[in-house]
Every structure is written in structure tokens, then in C-alpha cells.
Amino acid sequence: MNTNLQKIGELLSQYRKSKGLTQEEVGAMIGVQKAMVSKVENGLCVNFNTINRLAEALGVEPVVGLKPKKKADKNLIDYVMTVIIEFARRHGLTIREASNYIGRFKGIDFLVEFYDVEHTLSFNDCVDDLTVVCQNYGGTLK
């Protein structure tokens, strides 16, 4: 699933819910079935026409932007891999299990976004921070 489409769908879902509308009601407003609204909100089967129609019905304006892709930084990649290994050791996981867990519960996003600060900390402190971030996103490791 394309995470950008999923984000658009999540935002539309939030606006719909904030207005107290059901998927069925919004679908009726734009002439589609509830299932189509559900697909859009889950990042599936999305096209700009449907997004625009849903946004119009919800009273919001979708904004599209382009930004250059970031080139992978070898230092960042090495750092993330080392943190994954340390995380696995601390929590008694395989490297694959740790990588999957950290990715699923937004830990990789955290490490990339806050690399400039986190890489200045000890690995112990970084693993502590990463554990908290993953728990905040639903992870259940101790």
C-alpha cells in the first residue's frame, strides 16, 4: 500500500469523523457507495477525482506538493542498522524481528527524522527512546 495515499485517506477519515458523518453519508453526498469511501480512507483505489469530491463534500481543500527525494546517507543507514542490532539484543529478538517491530511501530521514521539528535546520544539512550516511541504507536515490548 502506498503510504502517501494512506495518509490522504487517514486525513479524509479524520475530517469525516470530526463532522460526525458516516462513510455511507459521505458516499451519498458524492454519489458513491460506502465501500468506495472506505477504500479511499484506507489508501486503496484512490484517484484525484474521488479525493477532490470527498474533500469538497467535507469542506476541505486537498493540497498536492512535490518534493525531491532524499538521497540515502550512508552514516544514517549505518546508524539505523546499529540501533536495530542493539534494540534486538536488549529485547531478546532476532535482527529481523527487531527490524520488523521497529518499522511497524514507527521507530524507523523516528530514527530518520531525529537522526541529528539521536546519533549524538549513547546507544543505550537511543534504544530507550526508540522503545518509548514504539510503545506510543502500539508496540508491547518491555
C-alpha atoms as a PDB file:
ATOM      1  CA  MET A   1       0.000   0.000   0.000  1.00  0.00           C
ATOM      2  CA  ASN A   2       1.273   3.454  -0.875  1.00  0.00           C
ATOM      3  CA  THR A   3       1.807   5.253   2.431  1.00  0.00           C
ATOM      4  CA  ASN A   4       1.112   8.662   0.860  1.00  0.00           C
ATOM      5  CA  LEU A   5      -2.297   7.500  -0.320  1.00  0.00           C
ATOM      6  CA  GLN A   6      -2.893   6.012   3.106  1.00  0.00           C
ATOM      7  CA  LYS A   7      -2.081   9.384   4.713  1.00  0.00           C
ATOM      8  CA  ILE A   8      -4.553  11.149   2.428  1.00  0.00           C
ATOM      9  CA  GLY A   9      -7.194   8.573   3.321  1.00  0.00           C
ATOM     10  CA  GLU A  10      -6.484   8.936   7.044  1.00  0.00           C
ATOM     11  CA  LEU A  11      -6.855  12.719   6.815  1.00  0.00           C
ATOM     12  CA  LEU A  12     -10.145  12.415   4.957  1.00  0.00           C
ATOM     13  CA  SER A  13     -11.347   9.923   7.564  1.00  0.00           C
ATOM     14  CA  GLN A  14     -10.429  12.308  10.384  1.00  0.00           C
ATOM     15  CA  TYR A  15     -12.310  15.200   8.764  1.00  0.00           C
ATOM     16  CA  ARG A  16     -15.337  12.989   8.123  1.00  0.00           C
ATOM     17  CA  LYS A  17     -15.409  11.830  11.743  1.00  0.00           C
ATOM     18  CA  SER A  18     -14.892  15.373  13.067  1.00  0.00           C
ATOM     19  CA  LYS A  19     -18.038  16.375  11.185  1.00  0.00           C
ATOM     20  CA  GLY A  20     -19.935  13.427  12.664  1.00  0.00           C
ATOM     21  CA  LEU A  21     -20.573  11.834   9.278  1.00  0.00           C
ATOM     22  CA  THR A  22     -20.608   8.144   8.420  1.00  0.00           C
ATOM     23  CA  GLN A  23     -18.938   6.693   5.357  1.00  0.00           C
ATOM     24  CA  GLU A  24     -22.391   5.966   3.985  1.00  0.00           C
ATOM     25  CA  GLU A  25     -23.479   9.595   4.395  1.00  0.00           C
ATOM     26  CA  VAL A  26     -20.379  10.947   2.691  1.00  0.00           C
ATOM     27  CA  GLY A  27     -20.740   8.391  -0.085  1.00  0.00           C
ATOM     28  CA  ALA A  28     -24.313   9.523  -0.683  1.00  0.00           C
ATOM     29  CA  MET A  29     -23.124  13.155  -0.843  1.00  0.00           C
ATOM     30  CA  ILE A  30     -20.773  12.381  -3.741  1.00  0.00           C
ATOM     31  CA  GLY A  31     -22.668   9.544  -5.389  1.00  0.00           C
ATOM     32  CA  VAL A  32     -20.562   6.530  -4.422  1.00  0.00           C
ATOM     33  CA  GLN A  33     -21.116   3.521  -2.203  1.00  0.00           C
ATOM     34  CA  LYS A  34     -19.859   3.312   1.385  1.00  0.00           C
ATOM     35  CA  ALA A  35     -17.304   0.726   0.198  1.00  0.00           C
ATOM     36  CA  MET A  36     -15.616   3.309  -2.062  1.00  0.00           C
ATOM     37  CA  VAL A  37     -15.311   5.794   0.820  1.00  0.00           C
ATOM     38  CA  SER A  38     -13.802   3.005   2.930  1.00  0.00           C
ATOM     39  CA  LYS A  39     -11.306   2.152   0.178  1.00  0.00           C
ATOM     40  CA  VAL A  40     -10.239   5.780  -0.133  1.00  0.00           C
ATOM     41  CA  GLU A  41      -9.858   6.144   3.641  1.00  0.00           C
ATOM     42  CA  ASN A  42      -7.660   3.034   3.682  1.00  0.00           C
ATOM     43  CA  GLY A  43      -5.415   4.275   0.869  1.00  0.00           C
ATOM     44  CA  LEU A  44      -6.810   1.899  -1.734  1.00  0.00           C
ATOM     45  CA  CYS A  45      -8.360   2.641  -5.111  1.00  0.00           C
ATOM     46  CA  VAL A  46      -7.704   6.363  -4.882  1.00  0.00           C
ATOM     47  CA  ASN A  47      -7.738   8.839  -7.736  1.00  0.00           C
ATOM     48  CA  PHE A  48      -7.623  12.623  -7.668  1.00  0.00           C
ATOM     49  CA  ASN A  49     -11.219  12.979  -8.832  1.00  0.00           C
ATOM     50  CA  THR A  50     -12.519  10.947  -5.884  1.00  0.00           C
ATOM     51  CA  ILE A  51     -10.223  12.758  -3.443  1.00  0.00           C
ATOM     52  CA  ASN A  52     -11.435  16.128  -4.725  1.00  0.00           C
ATOM     53  CA  ARG A  53     -15.090  15.099  -4.490  1.00  0.00           C
ATOM     54  CA  LEU A  54     -14.654  13.778  -0.937  1.00  0.00           C
ATOM     55  CA  ALA A  55     -12.718  16.869   0.115  1.00  0.00           C
ATOM     56  CA  GLU A  56     -15.397  19.131  -1.378  1.00  0.00           C
ATOM     57  CA  ALA A  57     -18.124  17.241   0.490  1.00  0.00           C
ATOM     58  CA  LEU A  58     -16.149  17.602   3.739  1.00  0.00           C
ATOM     59  CA  GLY A  59     -15.401  21.284   3.187  1.00  0.00           C
ATOM     60  CA  VAL A  60     -11.637  20.927   2.905  1.00  0.00           C
ATOM     61  CA  GLU A  61      -9.161  21.591   0.129  1.00  0.00           C
ATOM     62  CA  PRO A  62      -6.683  18.875  -0.811  1.00  0.00           C
ATOM     63  CA  VAL A  63      -3.196  20.219  -1.391  1.00  0.00           C
ATOM     64  CA  VAL A  64      -0.706  18.381  -3.563  1.00  0.00           C
ATOM     65  CA  GLY A  65       3.008  19.038  -3.429  1.00  0.00           C
ATOM     66  CA  LEU A  66       6.181  17.654  -4.877  1.00  0.00           C
ATOM     67  CA  LYS A  67       9.461  17.455  -3.061  1.00  0.00           C
ATOM     68  CA  PRO A  68      12.785  15.997  -4.097  1.00  0.00           C
ATOM     69  CA  LYS A  69      13.643  12.539  -2.841  1.00  0.00           C
ATOM     70  CA  LYS A  70      16.292  12.434  -0.180  1.00  0.00           C
ATOM     71  CA  LYS A  71      19.439  10.609  -1.104  1.00  0.00           C
ATOM     72  CA  ALA A  72      20.287   7.865   1.364  1.00  0.00           C
ATOM     73  CA  ASP A  73      23.016   8.914   3.766  1.00  0.00           C
ATOM     74  CA  LYS A  74      25.458   6.081   4.451  1.00  0.00           C
ATOM     75  CA  ASN A  75      26.033   7.325   8.004  1.00  0.00           C
ATOM     76  CA  LEU A  76      22.296   7.310   8.667  1.00  0.00           C
ATOM     77  CA  ILE A  77      21.925   3.798   7.253  1.00  0.00           C
ATOM     78  CA  ASP A  78      24.840   2.513   9.340  1.00  0.00           C
ATOM     79  CA  TYR A  79      23.422   4.180  12.436  1.00  0.00           C
ATOM     80  CA  VAL A  80      19.917   2.744  11.941  1.00  0.00           C
ATOM     81  CA  MET A  81      21.323  -0.743  11.390  1.00  0.00           C
ATOM     82  CA  THR A  82      23.439  -0.497  14.556  1.00  0.00           C
ATOM     83  CA  VAL A  83      20.455   0.713  16.582  1.00  0.00           C
ATOM     84  CA  ILE A  84      18.347  -2.187  15.264  1.00  0.00           C
ATOM     85  CA  ILE A  85      21.050  -4.634  16.372  1.00  0.00           C
ATOM     86  CA  GLU A  86      21.255  -3.034  19.828  1.00  0.00           C
ATOM     87  CA  PHE A  87      17.454  -2.996  20.092  1.00  0.00           C
ATOM     88  CA  ALA A  88      17.351  -6.704  19.202  1.00  0.00           C
ATOM     89  CA  ARG A  89      19.948  -7.519  21.867  1.00  0.00           C
ATOM     90  CA  ARG A  90      18.162  -5.523  24.540  1.00  0.00           C
ATOM     91  CA  HIS A  91      14.778  -7.107  23.856  1.00  0.00           C
ATOM     92  CA  GLY A  92      15.913 -10.650  23.058  1.00  0.00           C
ATOM     93  CA  LEU A  93      14.810 -10.510  19.418  1.00  0.00           C
ATOM     94  CA  THR A  94      16.384 -11.570  16.186  1.00  0.00           C
ATOM     95  CA  ILE A  95      17.569  -8.723  13.997  1.00  0.00           C
ATOM     96  CA  ARG A  96      14.733  -9.454  11.582  1.00  0.00           C
ATOM     97  CA  GLU A  97      12.136  -9.391  14.389  1.00  0.00           C
ATOM     98  CA  ALA A  98      13.565  -6.136  15.732  1.00  0.00           C
ATOM     99  CA  SER A  99      13.607  -4.568  12.273  1.00  0.00           C
ATOM    100  CA  ASN A 100      10.003  -5.595  11.598  1.00  0.00           C
ATOM    101  CA  TYR A 101       8.864  -4.359  15.013  1.00  0.00           C
ATOM    102  CA  ILE A 102      10.680  -1.026  14.753  1.00  0.00           C
ATOM    103  CA  GLY A 103       9.350  -0.475  11.245  1.00  0.00           C
ATOM    104  CA  ARG A 104       5.774  -1.400  12.182  1.00  0.00           C
ATOM    105  CA  PHE A 105       5.647   0.889  15.204  1.00  0.00           C
ATOM    106  CA  LYS A 106       7.208   3.992  13.567  1.00  0.00           C
ATOM    107  CA  GLY A 107      10.672   3.541  15.053  1.00  0.00           C
ATOM    108  CA  ILE A 108      12.489   3.805  11.708  1.00  0.00           C
ATOM    109  CA  ASP A 109      10.600   7.010  10.940  1.00  0.00           C
ATOM    110  CA  PHE A 110      11.662   8.339  14.349  1.00  0.00           C
ATOM    111  CA  LEU A 111      15.325   7.439  13.818  1.00  0.00           C
ATOM    112  CA  VAL A 112      15.409   9.091  10.400  1.00  0.00           C
ATOM    113  CA  GLU A 113      13.529  12.213  11.479  1.00  0.00           C
ATOM    114  CA  PHE A 114      15.569  12.756  14.631  1.00  0.00           C
ATOM    115  CA  TYR A 115      18.903  11.369  13.456  1.00  0.00           C
ATOM    116  CA  ASP A 116      20.650  14.680  14.017  1.00  0.00           C
ATOM    117  CA  VAL A 117      19.879  14.468  17.757  1.00  0.00           C
ATOM    118  CA  GLU A 118      19.688  10.722  18.384  1.00  0.00           C
ATOM    119  CA  HIS A 119      23.087   9.893  16.879  1.00  0.00           C
ATOM    120  CA  THR A 120      24.721  12.146  19.485  1.00  0.00           C
ATOM    121  CA  LEU A 121      23.296  10.000  22.322  1.00  0.00           C
ATOM    122  CA  SER A 122      24.583   6.706  23.635  1.00  0.00           C
ATOM    123  CA  PHE A 123      23.097   3.598  22.039  1.00  0.00           C
ATOM    124  CA  ASN A 124      21.512   2.827  25.408  1.00  0.00           C
ATOM    125  CA  ASP A 125      19.680   6.163  25.419  1.00  0.00           C
ATOM    126  CA  CYS A 126      18.704   5.762  21.782  1.00  0.00           C
ATOM    127  CA  VAL A 127      17.254   2.293  22.412  1.00  0.00           C
ATOM    128  CA  ASP A 128      15.365   3.719  25.410  1.00  0.00           C
ATOM    129  CA  ASP A 129      13.896   6.478  23.200  1.00  0.00           C
ATOM    130  CA  LEU A 130      13.102   4.021  20.431  1.00  0.00           C
ATOM    131  CA  THR A 131      11.342   1.675  22.863  1.00  0.00           C
ATOM    132  CA  VAL A 132       9.134   4.513  24.107  1.00  0.00           C
ATOM    133  CA  VAL A 133       8.302   5.680  20.572  1.00  0.00           C
ATOM    134  CA  CYS A 134       7.317   2.164  19.504  1.00  0.00           C
ATOM    135  CA  GLN A 135       5.193   1.716  22.634  1.00  0.00           C
ATOM    136  CA  ASN A 136       3.440   5.003  21.890  1.00  0.00           C
ATOM    137  CA  TYR A 137       2.483   3.583  18.497  1.00  0.00           C
ATOM    138  CA  GLY A 138       1.124   0.332  19.926  1.00  0.00           C
ATOM    139  CA  GLY A 139       4.235  -1.790  20.448  1.00  0.00           C
ATOM    140  CA  THR A 140       4.145  -4.026  23.504  1.00  0.00           C
ATOM    141  CA  LEU A 141       7.770  -4.956  24.217  1.00  0.00           C
ATOM    142  CA  LYS A 142       9.122  -4.357  27.705  1.00  0.00           C
END
